[in-house]
Amino acid sequence: MKLPKTYIPKDFESDIYDLWEKSGAFTPKGKGEPFTVVMPPPNANASLHIGHILFFSIQDTVIRYQRMKGRDALWLPGADHAGFETQVVYEKHLAKEGKSRFDYSREELYNQIYDFVGQNRQNFNDIFRKLGASCDWSRFTFTLDEKVVTTAYQTFKKLWDDGLIYRGERLVNYCTHHRTGFADIEVQYEDQTSPLYYLKYGPFTLATTRPETKFGDTAVAVHPDDDRYKEFVNKVITVEGVNGPFEIRVIADEMVDRKFGTGVVKITPAHDFNDWEVAQRHNLEAVRVINHDGTMNHRAGRFEGMPVAEARKAIVEAMKEKGLLEKVDEKYQNRVGKCYKCGTTIEPMLMDQWFIDMRKIAEPAIKALRDKKIKFYPEAKRNQTIEYLKNVKDWNISRQIAWGIPIPAFQNIDDKDDWIFDERVDQEIIEIDGKTYSRDPDVFDTWFSSGQWPYITTNYPETEDFKRYYPTSLMETGVDILYQWVARMICLGLYVTGDIPFKEVYLHGMVRAEDGRKMSKSLGNVVDPQPLIEEFGTDAVRMGMMAGRSPADSAAFSPGKILAARNFCNKLWNIARFTEVILEGKQVDLGKVKAVTPADNWVLSKLQHAIESISNHLDNYRMNDAYEALYHFVWDDFADWYIEASKKELNPDLLVHCLESVLKLAHPFAPFVSETIWQTLEISNESMLISQNWPEAISFDQKMVDEFEEIRNIVTETRTIMSAMQLEKSTLYHTGVEFLTQHSDLISQLAHIEGVHEVEDGKGLHLTTTSHRCWLDVDRERAAKYTQKLTNTRDEAQKRLESLKKRLENKNYVKQAPKALVDETKQQLADTEQMITNISNEIERISAAENLG
């Protein structure tokens, strides 16, 4: 079979993937040093987005490289049930049918979501196969699989027995729309402008953004050093309210900011996190006035049943009527927590929840990080993680939803403080020793099970997989979930197994829109990768997504990089087709590869450098640098120079060896096109490229390498002169230089000139980059015209440079003009200076060339 003229990815990719999967190429062989990557489980409800392509491309490139290096490479796939997020998606699905989750029991809703997720999960796995995922599908794990649930329960029980799990009434971040709590780091904060109401409060005036919570006030606080209010401290005052007068105590606490408002604040422990802390110090009662559905409760009197926002307006009007509203600052700037899925303002809500005492399990993690047992890319994130864990808050692991792993805890119906651990979560009521226990209706936070992902997926505790593949080698994931996921995996991994969960962490940044803004459905700038894959092919999209990125760098999406990657795939294809044609009918023996010509030795030296460079970059996860090194070797060295040289001086064995090495180097980045060429040309007796060893260098003669570098200098300068002076034809002359005579045909071929001729003497434009005396048949008049053209261009650039300098010397311009415009001017100045330097160098070179004649 021959290679078609044009590479059309969709004609080959499906068949190539089937070949890999059916051969068992993705399954580790149990030989060599283990290298394990656990795939961050994509949300089972999710549709493919451009961010998936980035993490996928990085991980698949790394695992293919390690496999070719002889490591026992294992990439473990999975999917996350994504409790809250999936339920939100399904609730939207129900809403389209005019239904609500409250129309079903928890069990009915759970089963419906399970079926809904099942189909979508398979679609996602099919897409990952289309992308070329070389993961071991036989080890696929879903976060609701039995082994996950079992391990989650064992961990919960261990925490319970060790006194690190507790149930407490605490303020939690609560979404009244979805009616569930969140951990602190799941809340998104937004800056906004809010009215700041100045209320008459007994003898005081105090400022608040939330007058509706005053029905839950249990104290008024002032700063202990504020002399204005010292006479009121520890006294009870009478306050006129919209529902009548009430009494309240005045306390002193250093939490109070004397510069905020009037320096007097109301304390509402059940609906403000700072107030809750104050209440603990002063033994204040916490009175809840907001229901879980976001409406006011009975303590609000005539405002009962109103949604919070509506109640706030009504209460403000009522205060106006009673003369209790002194003024309103409409431009107060504050930060407000929002639900990251629906944007509802988070309501601090007093609830009974299960918490993990994070301080105690964070201590071993902090020590491991300080001891540098885990390497971070970028390294700065290690210290950031330490700082986060030093101040970590207890983790609320309860969620008030149906979709998730039920919490295995039961409460004595006759003794609310009597809780027991029991795994019979399929039963709502159980009997033990004559006591009746009711199951906690909540489920675990999704991050509780996914926080145990590395040892769950390697089948903890006593299995061969766990012994061989844990700790895993690399955790590659998004920088945005460093604290939510990576930090927790380190804590739980050390707590449960006694060992770190992974040896290295690579954090990729977010993929932003082309204009640098965050991608968002509401902004309409989300990029669907599937049309890109259809148009450019999987390999091009993979490489294009990795190009130009460094760890934790949230760079903009660049269609141009994908186009460049597609061109690279086409270049590989054309190199292979040239090799196929030029070798037709010729015998190739890869066991007898030997460098003969200067070009042969030169390409072997470049190949050695490429192997070393790409290997070093991939070993250190410099994905962009590795790709750039591959790109430039294939395009600039192999294609532009050696392939062209082969048209005059063909070494069939070495040409095929180089192509074989190129395909091996390219395979981790562009697996489909490289494997397609490998299979079609039948380069090796061994069936698949994916199973080949990483290429190794062959020795070369440095003296002959230097000879070819001399040839390249001559050719490059000749091409430059001919292009600059728009010469269609030219001849290179010399006065009997053996080197030029010996390589005349090759130089003529590469420089696209009519020939290299020996003469007794002559005039022309001499080459300046070689020690050999030679010249091109360019007359002095033509050279002078070219020099004058360059001089005129330089003079114009010099005028432009002076104008730009004056503009930047104008302080008013620099101070008042938009920063983007000033930065653009500075860049224009730098570009113009570089242009003048380049032109001057060219004039000097032409002048030197003329003088040599």
Foldseek 3Di string as FASTA:
>chain_A
DAFDPFDQFVVFLVVVLCVCVVVVLLQFPPDAAEFEEEDLAAALLDDDFLQVLALQLLVLLLQLQCLQQVHRGAYEYEHEPQFPVLLVVVQVVVVVVVDGPVVDDLVVSQVVSVVVSVVSNVVVVVVSSSLPRSHDVVLYYYCPDPLLLVVLLVLVVVLVVVVQKDKDWFWFWADLASLKGAWPLQWDKDKDFAKWFFFAFFPDTFTDRAPLLLLQFAEKEAACPPPVCVVQAQHKGWGQALVGIDIHHYHHDNVFDCPHGNRMGTAALFWDNVSVVVCVVVVTDHDDQADSNQAGDCSSPPRGPHHRVVSRVVRVVSCVVVVGTDDMDRGDIDMFIARPPPRGTTTGGTDTFMWGNLLVLLVVLLVCLVVLQAQEFVNVVSVVLSVCSNPDDITGFWIQHSHARFQQKWAFPVDRVDIDGDPVVVDQWDADPNTITGGDNTHTNSLSSLLQVLQSSQPDDDDPSCVRQPLHEEHEEAPSCCPVHVSSNQSSVCVPVVDGNYRYYFHAAAADAQVRHRDDVVVVRTDDCPVVCNVQNSLLSSQLSLAPGGTRDHYYRDVVSSVVSSVLLRLLSVLLSLLCVVCVPHDEDLVDDDQDALLLQQLLVLLQVLLVQLVVCSVVSVSNSNSVSLSCSSPVRCPLPSSLLCVPVPDSHSSLVVSLLSLLSCCSRRVRSSQVSCQNVVSDPDHTSSNHHHDDGDDHDVVSPVLVVLLVLVLVQLLVVCVLLVPPEKEKEAADDPSCVVCFVSSCSSNVYPTYYHDNDDAAFFRDRHPGTMHIHHDPVSLVVSLVVLVVVLVVLVVVLVVLVVQLVPPCNCPPPPVVVNVVSVVSNVVSVVSNVVSVVVSVSRVVRRVVD
